[in-house]
């Protein structure tokens, strides 16, 4: 993945209202996601994980996001087989980096921040660790 996919303006979407259920394209639009955003979605750690619907994954790809990071949000509906048709498979095939199991998103206080992801250069894998940094504007 090109390094510029891991850096840029990010939108932080709180999905607590969808705990245990489906995150819809309407939820994503309401979060203010637009083209070239890094998308950071979170749900409270004490809550049941919501999941991105197949329509939501397609919406994110069509919108043209840069990357997506999830904390306590699943990338696919329950029971979706792993592979090219699940959420992370579709995102990766569309050239969108998927940052799984990001921690600390609950510490972000602004709906828009500047995101820097520092991935490890590695080949022939679909996932690896990365150091994620968020810069917030000071009030």
N, C-alpha and C. Protein backbone atom coordinates (compact mmCIF):
# COMPACT_ATOMS: atom_id res chain seq x y z
N UNK A 1 0.84 -1.18 0.00
CA UNK A 1 0.00 0.00 0.00
C UNK A 1 0.89 1.24 0.00
N UNK A 2 0.54 2.25 -0.76
CA UNK A 2 1.32 3.49 -0.76
C UNK A 2 1.29 4.15 0.62
N UNK A 3 2.42 4.71 1.06
CA UNK A 3 2.49 5.32 2.39
C UNK A 3 1.47 6.44 2.62
N UNK A 4 1.09 7.17 1.58
CA UNK A 4 0.15 8.28 1.78
C UNK A 4 -1.24 7.81 2.16
N UNK A 5 -1.54 6.52 2.01
CA UNK A 5 -2.84 5.98 2.43
C UNK A 5 -2.95 5.95 3.95
N UNK A 6 -1.82 6.05 4.64
CA UNK A 6 -1.78 5.96 6.10
C UNK A 6 -1.66 7.31 6.79
N UNK A 7 -1.97 8.39 6.06
CA UNK A 7 -1.82 9.71 6.65
C UNK A 7 -2.86 10.66 6.07
N UNK A 8 -3.44 11.48 6.93
CA UNK A 8 -4.37 12.49 6.44
C UNK A 8 -5.47 12.80 7.43
N UNK A 9 -6.41 13.61 6.98
CA UNK A 9 -7.53 13.98 7.82
C UNK A 9 -8.37 12.74 8.10
N UNK A 10 -8.77 12.62 9.35
CA UNK A 10 -9.55 11.45 9.76
C UNK A 10 -10.85 11.90 10.42
N UNK A 11 -11.88 11.12 10.20
CA UNK A 11 -13.16 11.33 10.87
C UNK A 11 -13.30 10.23 11.92
N UNK A 12 -13.76 10.62 13.10
CA UNK A 12 -13.94 9.68 14.21
C UNK A 12 -15.44 9.45 14.38
N UNK A 13 -15.88 8.23 14.14
CA UNK A 13 -17.29 7.90 14.24
C UNK A 13 -17.58 7.03 15.45
N UNK A 14 -18.43 7.51 16.33
CA UNK A 14 -18.82 6.77 17.52
C UNK A 14 -20.04 5.91 17.17
N UNK A 15 -19.91 4.60 17.31
CA UNK A 15 -20.98 3.68 16.94
C UNK A 15 -21.63 3.02 18.15
N UNK A 16 -21.54 3.66 19.31
CA UNK A 16 -22.17 3.11 20.53
C UNK A 16 -23.66 2.83 20.32
N UNK A 17 -24.33 3.69 19.57
CA UNK A 17 -25.77 3.51 19.34
C UNK A 17 -26.09 2.26 18.53
N UNK A 18 -25.08 1.64 17.92
CA UNK A 18 -25.27 0.42 17.13
C UNK A 18 -24.71 -0.81 17.82
N UNK A 19 -24.38 -0.71 19.11
CA UNK A 19 -23.78 -1.84 19.84
C UNK A 19 -24.59 -3.11 19.61
N UNK A 20 -23.89 -4.16 19.20
CA UNK A 20 -24.52 -5.45 18.97
C UNK A 20 -25.30 -5.55 17.67
N UNK A 21 -25.34 -4.49 16.89
CA UNK A 21 -26.14 -4.49 15.67
C UNK A 21 -25.34 -4.02 14.46
N UNK A 22 -26.07 -3.67 13.43
CA UNK A 22 -25.50 -3.35 12.12
C UNK A 22 -25.22 -1.85 12.00
N UNK A 23 -24.02 -1.51 11.53
CA UNK A 23 -23.68 -0.13 11.16
C UNK A 23 -24.06 0.03 9.69
N UNK A 24 -24.91 1.00 9.42
CA UNK A 24 -25.46 1.19 8.07
C UNK A 24 -24.75 2.33 7.33
N UNK A 25 -24.95 2.41 6.02
CA UNK A 25 -24.41 3.56 5.28
C UNK A 25 -24.93 4.89 5.82
N UNK A 26 -26.16 4.93 6.32
CA UNK A 26 -26.69 6.16 6.91
C UNK A 26 -25.88 6.57 8.15
N UNK A 27 -25.46 5.59 8.95
CA UNK A 27 -24.62 5.88 10.12
C UNK A 27 -23.29 6.49 9.68
N UNK A 28 -22.72 5.94 8.62
CA UNK A 28 -21.44 6.42 8.13
C UNK A 28 -21.57 7.83 7.56
N UNK A 29 -22.62 8.07 6.81
CA UNK A 29 -22.86 9.41 6.25
C UNK A 29 -23.07 10.42 7.39
N UNK A 30 -23.80 10.01 8.44
CA UNK A 30 -24.06 10.90 9.57
C UNK A 30 -22.77 11.24 10.32
N UNK A 31 -21.78 10.35 10.26
CA UNK A 31 -20.49 10.61 10.90
C UNK A 31 -19.68 11.65 10.13
N UNK A 32 -20.10 11.98 8.91
CA UNK A 32 -19.41 13.00 8.12
C UNK A 32 -18.27 12.48 7.27
N UNK A 33 -18.30 11.20 6.95
CA UNK A 33 -17.24 10.59 6.13
C UNK A 33 -17.32 11.11 4.71
N UNK A 34 -16.15 11.48 4.16
CA UNK A 34 -16.08 11.96 2.78
C UNK A 34 -14.85 11.35 2.10
N UNK A 35 -14.73 11.58 0.81
CA UNK A 35 -13.61 11.04 0.03
C UNK A 35 -12.28 11.48 0.65
N UNK A 36 -11.32 10.59 0.59
CA UNK A 36 -9.95 10.78 1.08
C UNK A 36 -9.83 10.89 2.59
N UNK A 37 -10.88 10.56 3.33
CA UNK A 37 -10.79 10.51 4.79
C UNK A 37 -10.17 9.19 5.22
N UNK A 38 -9.42 9.24 6.32
CA UNK A 38 -9.14 8.05 7.09
C UNK A 38 -10.34 7.92 8.02
N UNK A 39 -10.92 6.75 8.09
CA UNK A 39 -12.12 6.53 8.90
C UNK A 39 -11.74 5.75 10.15
N UNK A 40 -12.07 6.31 11.30
CA UNK A 40 -11.83 5.67 12.59
C UNK A 40 -13.18 5.45 13.26
N UNK A 41 -13.58 4.20 13.40
CA UNK A 41 -14.86 3.87 14.02
C UNK A 41 -14.62 3.18 15.34
N UNK A 42 -15.39 3.59 16.34
CA UNK A 42 -15.22 3.02 17.68
C UNK A 42 -16.58 2.71 18.30
N UNK A 43 -16.52 1.78 19.25
CA UNK A 43 -17.68 1.48 20.10
C UNK A 43 -17.12 1.21 21.49
N UNK A 44 -17.86 1.57 22.51
CA UNK A 44 -17.40 1.37 23.88
C UNK A 44 -16.95 -0.07 24.14
N UNK A 45 -15.85 -0.21 24.85
CA UNK A 45 -15.28 -1.54 25.09
C UNK A 45 -16.16 -2.41 25.97
N UNK A 46 -17.07 -1.80 26.74
CA UNK A 46 -17.97 -2.58 27.60
C UNK A 46 -19.23 -2.98 26.85
N UNK A 47 -19.32 -2.62 25.60
CA UNK A 47 -20.52 -2.91 24.79
C UNK A 47 -20.25 -4.05 23.81
N UNK A 48 -21.33 -4.67 23.34
CA UNK A 48 -21.21 -5.70 22.32
C UNK A 48 -20.81 -5.06 20.99
N UNK A 49 -19.88 -5.67 20.28
CA UNK A 49 -19.37 -5.09 19.03
C UNK A 49 -20.47 -4.95 17.98
N UNK A 50 -20.61 -3.76 17.38
CA UNK A 50 -21.43 -3.65 16.19
C UNK A 50 -20.62 -4.15 14.99
N UNK A 51 -21.27 -4.28 13.85
CA UNK A 51 -20.56 -4.74 12.66
C UNK A 51 -20.95 -3.89 11.46
N UNK A 52 -20.01 -3.77 10.53
CA UNK A 52 -20.28 -3.07 9.27
C UNK A 52 -21.09 -3.98 8.37
N UNK A 53 -22.20 -3.48 7.86
CA UNK A 53 -22.99 -4.26 6.90
C UNK A 53 -22.23 -4.34 5.58
N UNK A 54 -22.60 -5.29 4.75
CA UNK A 54 -21.98 -5.40 3.41
C UNK A 54 -22.22 -4.11 2.62
N UNK A 55 -23.40 -3.52 2.78
CA UNK A 55 -23.72 -2.26 2.10
C UNK A 55 -22.82 -1.13 2.60
N UNK A 56 -22.47 -1.15 3.89
CA UNK A 56 -21.58 -0.13 4.45
C UNK A 56 -20.18 -0.24 3.87
N UNK A 57 -19.68 -1.46 3.74
CA UNK A 57 -18.36 -1.66 3.13
C UNK A 57 -18.37 -1.13 1.70
N UNK A 58 -19.40 -1.48 0.93
CA UNK A 58 -19.51 -0.99 -0.45
C UNK A 58 -19.59 0.54 -0.48
N UNK A 59 -20.31 1.15 0.48
CA UNK A 59 -20.44 2.60 0.56
C UNK A 59 -19.08 3.25 0.83
N UNK A 60 -18.30 2.67 1.74
CA UNK A 60 -16.97 3.21 2.06
C UNK A 60 -16.06 3.15 0.83
N UNK A 61 -16.11 2.04 0.11
CA UNK A 61 -15.28 1.90 -1.09
C UNK A 61 -15.71 2.91 -2.14
N UNK A 62 -17.00 3.02 -2.38
CA UNK A 62 -17.52 3.97 -3.38
C UNK A 62 -17.19 5.41 -3.00
N UNK A 63 -17.23 5.72 -1.71
CA UNK A 63 -16.92 7.07 -1.23
C UNK A 63 -15.46 7.42 -1.47
N UNK A 64 -14.59 6.42 -1.47
CA UNK A 64 -13.17 6.66 -1.75
C UNK A 64 -12.36 7.05 -0.52
N UNK A 65 -12.59 6.32 0.59
CA UNK A 65 -11.82 6.60 1.79
C UNK A 65 -10.37 6.17 1.61
N UNK A 66 -9.47 6.74 2.42
CA UNK A 66 -8.04 6.39 2.36
C UNK A 66 -7.73 5.10 3.09
N UNK A 67 -8.26 4.99 4.32
CA UNK A 67 -7.98 3.85 5.19
C UNK A 67 -9.08 3.78 6.22
N UNK A 68 -9.14 2.65 6.94
CA UNK A 68 -10.13 2.50 8.00
C UNK A 68 -9.48 1.81 9.19
N UNK A 69 -9.78 2.33 10.37
CA UNK A 69 -9.33 1.74 11.62
C UNK A 69 -10.53 1.50 12.51
N UNK A 70 -10.57 0.34 13.15
CA UNK A 70 -11.73 -0.05 13.95
C UNK A 70 -11.31 -0.42 15.37
N UNK A 71 -12.09 0.08 16.34
CA UNK A 71 -11.91 -0.33 17.73
C UNK A 71 -13.27 -0.83 18.24
N UNK A 72 -13.33 -2.11 18.53
CA UNK A 72 -14.54 -2.78 19.01
C UNK A 72 -15.69 -2.67 18.00
N UNK A 73 -15.35 -2.68 16.73
CA UNK A 73 -16.32 -2.71 15.62
C UNK A 73 -15.83 -3.80 14.67
N UNK A 74 -16.72 -4.70 14.28
CA UNK A 74 -16.34 -5.79 13.36
C UNK A 74 -16.41 -5.31 11.91
N UNK A 75 -15.55 -5.86 11.07
CA UNK A 75 -15.48 -5.46 9.66
C UNK A 75 -16.50 -6.15 8.77
N UNK A 76 -17.24 -7.11 9.30
CA UNK A 76 -18.21 -7.86 8.50
C UNK A 76 -19.35 -8.35 9.38
N UNK A 77 -20.49 -8.65 8.78
CA UNK A 77 -21.58 -9.25 9.56
C UNK A 77 -21.17 -10.60 10.14
N UNK A 78 -21.74 -10.97 11.29
CA UNK A 78 -21.44 -12.28 11.87
C UNK A 78 -21.71 -13.41 10.86
N UNK A 79 -20.82 -14.39 10.85
CA UNK A 79 -20.99 -15.54 9.97
C UNK A 79 -20.44 -15.35 8.57
N UNK A 80 -19.95 -14.15 8.24
CA UNK A 80 -19.37 -13.94 6.91
C UNK A 80 -18.08 -14.73 6.80
N UNK A 81 -17.95 -15.61 5.79
CA UNK A 81 -16.70 -16.37 5.66
C UNK A 81 -15.53 -15.45 5.32
N UNK A 82 -14.36 -15.78 5.85
CA UNK A 82 -13.16 -15.01 5.51
C UNK A 82 -12.85 -15.17 4.03
N UNK A 83 -12.29 -14.13 3.46
CA UNK A 83 -11.91 -14.19 2.04
C UNK A 83 -12.19 -12.88 1.35
N UNK A 84 -12.20 -12.94 0.02
CA UNK A 84 -12.31 -11.72 -0.77
C UNK A 84 -13.67 -11.05 -0.67
N UNK A 85 -14.68 -11.73 -0.14
CA UNK A 85 -16.01 -11.15 -0.04
C UNK A 85 -16.37 -10.63 1.35
N UNK A 86 -15.47 -10.81 2.34
CA UNK A 86 -15.76 -10.23 3.64
C UNK A 86 -15.25 -8.79 3.67
N UNK A 87 -15.52 -8.09 4.75
CA UNK A 87 -15.21 -6.66 4.81
C UNK A 87 -13.76 -6.32 4.56
N UNK A 88 -12.84 -6.97 5.28
CA UNK A 88 -11.44 -6.60 5.08
C UNK A 88 -10.94 -7.06 3.71
N UNK A 89 -11.45 -8.17 3.20
CA UNK A 89 -11.06 -8.62 1.86
C UNK A 89 -11.46 -7.60 0.80
N UNK A 90 -12.70 -7.12 0.87
CA UNK A 90 -13.18 -6.11 -0.10
C UNK A 90 -12.38 -4.83 0.01
N UNK A 91 -12.12 -4.38 1.25
CA UNK A 91 -11.36 -3.14 1.45
C UNK A 91 -9.95 -3.27 0.88
N UNK A 92 -9.28 -4.36 1.20
CA UNK A 92 -7.91 -4.55 0.72
C UNK A 92 -7.85 -4.65 -0.80
N UNK A 93 -8.80 -5.36 -1.40
CA UNK A 93 -8.82 -5.46 -2.86
C UNK A 93 -9.10 -4.11 -3.52
N UNK A 94 -9.76 -3.20 -2.78
CA UNK A 94 -10.01 -1.85 -3.28
C UNK A 94 -8.85 -0.91 -3.00
N UNK A 95 -7.78 -1.42 -2.39
CA UNK A 95 -6.61 -0.59 -2.10
C UNK A 95 -6.76 0.26 -0.85
N UNK A 96 -7.65 -0.14 0.05
CA UNK A 96 -7.90 0.61 1.28
C UNK A 96 -7.30 -0.16 2.46
N UNK A 97 -6.28 0.40 3.10
CA UNK A 97 -5.70 -0.28 4.27
C UNK A 97 -6.73 -0.43 5.38
N UNK A 98 -6.69 -1.58 6.03
CA UNK A 98 -7.60 -1.90 7.12
C UNK A 98 -6.78 -2.06 8.39
N UNK A 99 -7.00 -1.17 9.35
CA UNK A 99 -6.29 -1.21 10.63
C UNK A 99 -7.22 -1.83 11.66
N UNK A 100 -6.97 -3.08 11.99
CA UNK A 100 -7.84 -3.84 12.88
C UNK A 100 -7.37 -3.68 14.32
N UNK A 101 -8.33 -3.76 15.23
CA UNK A 101 -8.05 -3.78 16.66
C UNK A 101 -7.23 -2.57 17.11
N UNK A 102 -7.54 -1.42 16.56
CA UNK A 102 -6.90 -0.18 17.01
C UNK A 102 -7.34 0.05 18.45
N UNK A 103 -6.45 0.53 19.29
CA UNK A 103 -6.80 0.81 20.68
C UNK A 103 -6.61 2.30 20.98
N UNK A 104 -7.40 2.80 21.90
CA UNK A 104 -7.26 4.18 22.35
C UNK A 104 -8.12 5.19 21.64
N UNK A 105 -8.99 4.75 20.73
CA UNK A 105 -9.84 5.72 20.02
C UNK A 105 -10.78 6.46 20.97
N UNK A 106 -11.10 5.85 22.11
CA UNK A 106 -11.97 6.50 23.10
C UNK A 106 -11.32 7.76 23.69
N UNK A 107 -10.02 7.92 23.52
CA UNK A 107 -9.32 9.08 24.05
C UNK A 107 -9.44 10.31 23.15
N UNK A 108 -9.90 10.11 21.92
CA UNK A 108 -10.03 11.22 20.97
C UNK A 108 -11.29 12.01 21.32
N UNK A 109 -11.15 13.34 21.39
CA UNK A 109 -12.28 14.18 21.79
C UNK A 109 -12.90 14.95 20.63
N UNK A 110 -12.25 15.00 19.49
CA UNK A 110 -12.74 15.77 18.34
C UNK A 110 -13.29 14.83 17.27
N UNK A 111 -14.28 15.31 16.50
CA UNK A 111 -14.83 14.47 15.42
C UNK A 111 -13.91 14.38 14.21
N UNK A 112 -12.98 15.34 14.06
CA UNK A 112 -12.00 15.32 12.97
C UNK A 112 -10.63 15.57 13.56
N UNK A 113 -9.68 14.75 13.13
CA UNK A 113 -8.30 14.81 13.63
C UNK A 113 -7.35 14.56 12.46
N UNK A 114 -6.06 14.71 12.71
CA UNK A 114 -5.06 14.34 11.71
C UNK A 114 -4.49 13.00 12.14
N UNK A 115 -4.47 12.04 11.22
CA UNK A 115 -4.06 10.66 11.49
C UNK A 115 -2.74 10.36 10.80
N UNK A 116 -1.86 9.68 11.53
CA UNK A 116 -0.61 9.17 10.95
C UNK A 116 -0.49 7.71 11.36
N UNK A 117 -0.42 6.83 10.38
CA UNK A 117 -0.21 5.42 10.64
C UNK A 117 1.19 5.04 10.17
N UNK A 118 1.90 4.32 11.00
CA UNK A 118 3.26 3.90 10.67
C UNK A 118 3.29 2.37 10.57
N UNK A 119 2.98 1.85 9.38
CA UNK A 119 2.94 0.38 9.22
C UNK A 119 4.35 -0.19 9.06
N UNK A 120 4.45 -1.46 9.33
CA UNK A 120 5.68 -2.19 9.10
C UNK A 120 5.72 -2.60 7.64
N UNK A 121 6.87 -2.45 6.99
CA UNK A 121 6.99 -2.88 5.60
C UNK A 121 7.15 -4.40 5.59
N UNK A 122 6.13 -5.05 5.06
CA UNK A 122 6.10 -6.51 5.05
C UNK A 122 5.32 -6.96 3.82
N UNK A 123 5.69 -8.07 3.25
CA UNK A 123 5.05 -8.55 2.02
C UNK A 123 4.33 -9.86 2.26
N UNK A 124 3.36 -10.09 1.39
CA UNK A 124 2.63 -11.36 1.32
C UNK A 124 1.84 -11.69 2.58
N UNK A 125 1.33 -10.66 3.23
CA UNK A 125 0.41 -10.86 4.34
C UNK A 125 -0.74 -9.88 4.18
N UNK A 126 -1.86 -10.17 4.81
CA UNK A 126 -3.01 -9.26 4.72
C UNK A 126 -3.12 -8.36 5.94
N UNK A 127 -2.32 -8.62 6.97
CA UNK A 127 -2.39 -7.79 8.17
C UNK A 127 -1.05 -7.79 8.89
N UNK A 128 -0.80 -6.71 9.55
CA UNK A 128 0.39 -6.57 10.38
C UNK A 128 0.12 -5.45 11.38
N UNK A 129 1.02 -5.23 12.28
CA UNK A 129 0.84 -4.17 13.26
C UNK A 129 1.25 -2.83 12.67
N UNK A 130 0.78 -1.78 13.32
CA UNK A 130 1.14 -0.41 12.93
C UNK A 130 1.06 0.47 14.16
N UNK A 131 1.88 1.49 14.20
CA UNK A 131 1.78 2.51 15.25
C UNK A 131 0.89 3.60 14.70
N UNK A 132 -0.19 3.91 15.41
CA UNK A 132 -1.14 4.93 14.96
C UNK A 132 -1.05 6.13 15.88
N UNK A 133 -0.96 7.29 15.26
CA UNK A 133 -0.86 8.56 15.98
C UNK A 133 -1.97 9.47 15.51
N UNK A 134 -2.62 10.14 16.46
CA UNK A 134 -3.67 11.09 16.13
C UNK A 134 -3.29 12.43 16.73
N UNK A 135 -3.40 13.48 15.91
CA UNK A 135 -3.15 14.84 16.37
C UNK A 135 -4.47 15.58 16.40
N UNK A 136 -4.79 16.14 17.57
CA UNK A 136 -6.02 16.91 17.75
C UNK A 136 -5.69 18.39 17.87
N UNK A 137 -6.56 19.21 17.30
CA UNK A 137 -6.40 20.65 17.46
C UNK A 137 -6.71 21.02 18.91
N UNK A 138 -5.93 21.92 19.46
CA UNK A 138 -6.13 22.37 20.83
C UNK A 138 -7.14 23.50 20.84
N UNK A 139 -8.10 23.43 21.77
CA UNK A 139 -9.11 24.49 21.88
C UNK A 139 -8.50 25.78 22.38
